[in-house]
């Protein structure tokens, strides 16, 4: 048995030990990273849902503000028509009544457009939240599939052949 073969055998054992420890650490780091990403995605899903709720609340406020502007516009139009000498409480087929009806219809159309725009924003936030939730689930699966023990065992088995061969050459067995 030469000292070179003994050194080679010892190096094979050391290399295998380092490989086992490294494989375990890498697998643990990958698992921890996946868990972290899972939590970030879950938090983003919560934020996206909160955004959707906030957008819907803003829609209610914007809609009420638009309705108030519509009331003020109709009131101002009624006052101008009356100031110009037109009867404003006359027949529903009167010019003034038709003019006020046009204002009301246009205002309601604006309110519906406003509502639709806000609803599209809220829906986009909900879809984004669903996507984040799906990402969170995928990261959770990735974390559960990482096994530091199996990674270490794989490295140990991989290195065992090298150790056995080097040990045989060094007459250890």
Protein backbone atom coordinates (compact mmCIF):
# COMPACT_ATOMS: atom_id res chain seq x y z
CA UNK A 1 0.00 0.00 0.00
CA UNK A 2 1.52 3.29 -1.06
CA UNK A 3 1.04 6.63 0.59
CA UNK A 4 -0.35 8.02 -2.67
CA UNK A 5 -3.19 5.49 -2.73
CA UNK A 6 -3.88 6.15 0.95
CA UNK A 7 -4.02 9.88 0.32
CA UNK A 8 -6.33 9.28 -2.66
CA UNK A 9 -8.61 7.14 -0.51
CA UNK A 10 -8.68 9.74 2.28
CA UNK A 11 -9.39 12.45 -0.30
CA UNK A 12 -12.27 10.38 -1.68
CA UNK A 13 -13.76 10.04 1.81
CA UNK A 14 -13.32 13.79 2.48
CA UNK A 15 -14.71 14.69 -0.92
CA UNK A 16 -17.75 12.50 -0.33
CA UNK A 17 -18.33 14.03 3.11
CA UNK A 18 -18.10 17.56 1.71
CA UNK A 19 -20.37 16.60 -1.20
CA UNK A 20 -22.97 15.19 1.20
CA UNK A 21 -22.93 18.34 3.34
CA UNK A 22 -23.03 20.59 0.28
CA UNK A 23 -25.92 18.70 -1.30
CA UNK A 24 -27.90 18.93 1.95
CA UNK A 25 -27.23 22.66 2.29
CA UNK A 26 -28.16 23.36 -1.32
CA UNK A 27 -31.40 21.43 -1.03
CA UNK A 28 -32.24 23.21 2.24
CA UNK A 29 -31.49 26.60 0.67
CA UNK A 30 -33.69 25.76 -2.32
CA UNK A 31 -36.49 24.67 0.02
CA UNK A 32 -36.19 27.86 2.09
CA UNK A 33 -36.18 30.00 -1.07
CA UNK A 34 -39.31 28.29 -2.37
CA UNK A 35 -41.06 28.79 0.99
CA UNK A 36 -40.11 32.46 0.96
CA UNK A 37 -41.42 32.90 -2.60
CA UNK A 38 -44.59 31.07 -1.58
CA UNK A 39 -45.20 33.54 1.24
CA UNK A 40 -44.43 36.56 -0.97
CA UNK A 41 -46.91 35.33 -3.59
CA UNK A 42 -49.54 34.66 -0.89
CA UNK A 43 -49.05 38.20 0.45
CA UNK A 44 -49.33 39.61 -3.06
CA UNK A 45 -52.62 37.72 -3.50
CA UNK A 46 -53.97 39.33 -0.33
CA UNK A 47 -52.86 42.77 -1.50
CA UNK A 48 -54.47 42.24 -4.91
CA UNK A 49 -57.78 41.33 -3.24
CA UNK A 50 -57.52 44.40 -1.01
CA UNK A 51 -56.89 46.48 -4.14
CA UNK A 52 -60.03 45.07 -5.76
CA UNK A 53 -62.06 45.99 -2.67
CA UNK A 54 -60.55 49.49 -2.59
CA UNK A 55 -61.27 50.00 -6.29
CA UNK A 56 -64.93 49.05 -5.76
CA UNK A 57 -65.15 51.47 -2.84
CA UNK A 58 -63.66 54.21 -5.02
CA UNK A 59 -66.23 53.34 -7.68
CA UNK A 60 -69.07 53.93 -5.24
CA UNK A 61 -67.65 57.31 -4.27
CA UNK A 62 -66.99 58.31 -7.89
CA UNK A 63 -70.49 57.24 -8.88
CA UNK A 64 -72.06 59.29 -6.09
CA UNK A 65 -69.91 62.30 -7.02
CA UNK A 66 -71.00 61.94 -10.66
CA UNK A 67 -74.65 61.74 -9.59
CA UNK A 68 -74.20 64.94 -7.55
CA UNK A 69 -72.64 66.70 -10.57
CA UNK A 70 -75.59 65.50 -12.65
CA UNK A 71 -78.06 66.90 -10.11
CA UNK A 72 -76.21 70.23 -10.10
CA UNK A 73 -76.12 70.34 -13.91
CA UNK A 74 -79.85 69.63 -14.15
CA UNK A 75 -80.55 72.25 -11.50
CA UNK A 76 -78.44 74.86 -13.25
CA UNK A 77 -80.07 74.02 -16.61
CA UNK A 78 -83.53 74.29 -15.06
CA UNK A 79 -82.62 77.68 -13.55
CA UNK A 80 -81.27 78.97 -16.90
CA UNK A 81 -84.34 77.76 -18.76
CA UNK A 82 -86.62 79.40 -16.21
CA UNK A 83 -84.55 82.61 -16.29
CA UNK A 84 -84.95 82.75 -20.06
CA UNK A 85 -88.71 82.62 -19.66
CA UNK A 86 -89.41 78.98 -20.51
CA UNK A 87 -91.81 76.96 -18.44
CA UNK A 88 -89.83 74.17 -16.81
CA UNK A 89 -92.61 72.34 -15.01
CA UNK A 90 -94.75 72.14 -18.10
CA UNK A 91 -95.64 69.23 -20.34
CA UNK A 92 -93.24 66.24 -20.59
CA UNK A 93 -93.12 66.83 -24.34
CA UNK A 94 -91.99 70.43 -23.90
CA UNK A 95 -88.57 71.48 -25.14
CA UNK A 96 -87.32 72.20 -21.64
CA UNK A 97 -88.41 68.78 -20.35
CA UNK A 98 -86.78 67.03 -23.32
CA UNK A 99 -83.60 69.04 -22.79
CA UNK A 100 -83.47 68.05 -19.10
CA UNK A 101 -84.19 64.44 -20.05
CA UNK A 102 -81.22 64.51 -22.46
CA UNK A 103 -78.99 65.81 -19.67
CA UNK A 104 -80.22 63.04 -17.36
CA UNK A 105 -79.63 60.31 -19.97
CA UNK A 106 -76.19 61.60 -20.80
CA UNK A 107 -75.33 61.75 -17.11
CA UNK A 108 -76.56 58.20 -16.49
CA UNK A 109 -74.51 57.00 -19.46
CA UNK A 110 -71.42 58.62 -17.92
CA UNK A 111 -72.18 56.91 -14.60
CA UNK A 112 -72.51 53.52 -16.31
CA UNK A 113 -69.19 54.04 -18.13
CA UNK A 114 -67.57 55.03 -14.85
CA UNK A 115 -68.95 51.94 -13.11
CA UNK A 116 -67.78 49.68 -15.93
CA UNK A 117 -64.27 51.16 -15.90
CA UNK A 118 -63.92 50.68 -12.16
CA UNK A 119 -65.32 47.15 -12.38
CA UNK A 120 -62.76 46.27 -15.05
CA UNK A 121 -60.00 47.54 -12.76
CA UNK A 122 -61.35 45.56 -9.83
CA UNK A 123 -61.65 42.42 -11.95
CA UNK A 124 -58.06 42.83 -13.16
CA UNK A 125 -56.93 43.06 -9.52
CA UNK A 126 -58.88 39.89 -8.68
CA UNK A 127 -57.34 38.03 -11.61
CA UNK A 128 -53.91 39.21 -10.51
CA UNK A 129 -54.70 37.91 -7.02
CA UNK A 130 -55.69 34.53 -8.44
CA UNK A 131 -52.44 34.39 -10.38
CA UNK A 132 -50.46 35.19 -7.23
CA UNK A 133 -52.36 32.47 -5.35
CA UNK A 134 -51.51 29.96 -8.08
CA UNK A 135 -47.86 31.02 -7.90
CA UNK A 136 -47.94 30.57 -4.15
CA UNK A 137 -49.27 27.04 -4.56
CA UNK A 138 -46.58 26.20 -7.10
CA UNK A 139 -43.85 27.50 -4.81
CA UNK A 140 -45.36 25.42 -2.00
CA UNK A 141 -45.15 22.31 -4.16
CA UNK A 142 -41.58 23.18 -5.08
CA UNK A 143 -40.69 23.55 -1.39
CA UNK A 144 -42.32 20.25 -0.47
CA UNK A 145 -40.42 18.48 -3.26
CA UNK A 146 -37.06 19.65 -1.91
CA UNK A 147 -35.60 17.03 0.41
CA UNK A 148 -32.25 17.85 1.99
CA UNK A 149 -32.04 14.30 3.39
CA UNK A 150 -32.53 12.68 0.00
CA UNK A 151 -30.05 15.10 -1.59
CA UNK A 152 -27.47 14.13 1.05
CA UNK A 153 -28.23 10.43 0.58
CA UNK A 154 -27.83 10.78 -3.17
CA UNK A 155 -24.47 12.48 -2.76
CA UNK A 156 -23.41 9.81 -0.25
CA UNK A 157 -24.33 6.99 -2.60
CA UNK A 158 -22.61 8.74 -5.48
CA UNK A 159 -19.43 9.14 -3.45
CA UNK A 160 -19.58 5.64 -1.93
CA UNK A 161 -18.40 4.05 -5.15
CA UNK A 162 -15.39 6.35 -5.28
CA UNK A 163 -14.58 5.65 -1.63
CA UNK A 164 -14.92 1.88 -2.12
CA UNK A 165 -12.66 1.93 -5.17
CA UNK A 166 -10.06 4.15 -3.48
CA UNK A 167 -10.24 2.05 -0.27
CA UNK A 168 -9.68 -1.15 -2.24
CA UNK A 169 -6.72 0.40 -4.00
CA UNK A 170 -5.31 1.43 -0.62
CA UNK A 171 -5.87 -2.09 0.75
CA UNK A 172 -8.36 -0.94 3.38
CA UNK A 173 -10.53 -3.95 2.63
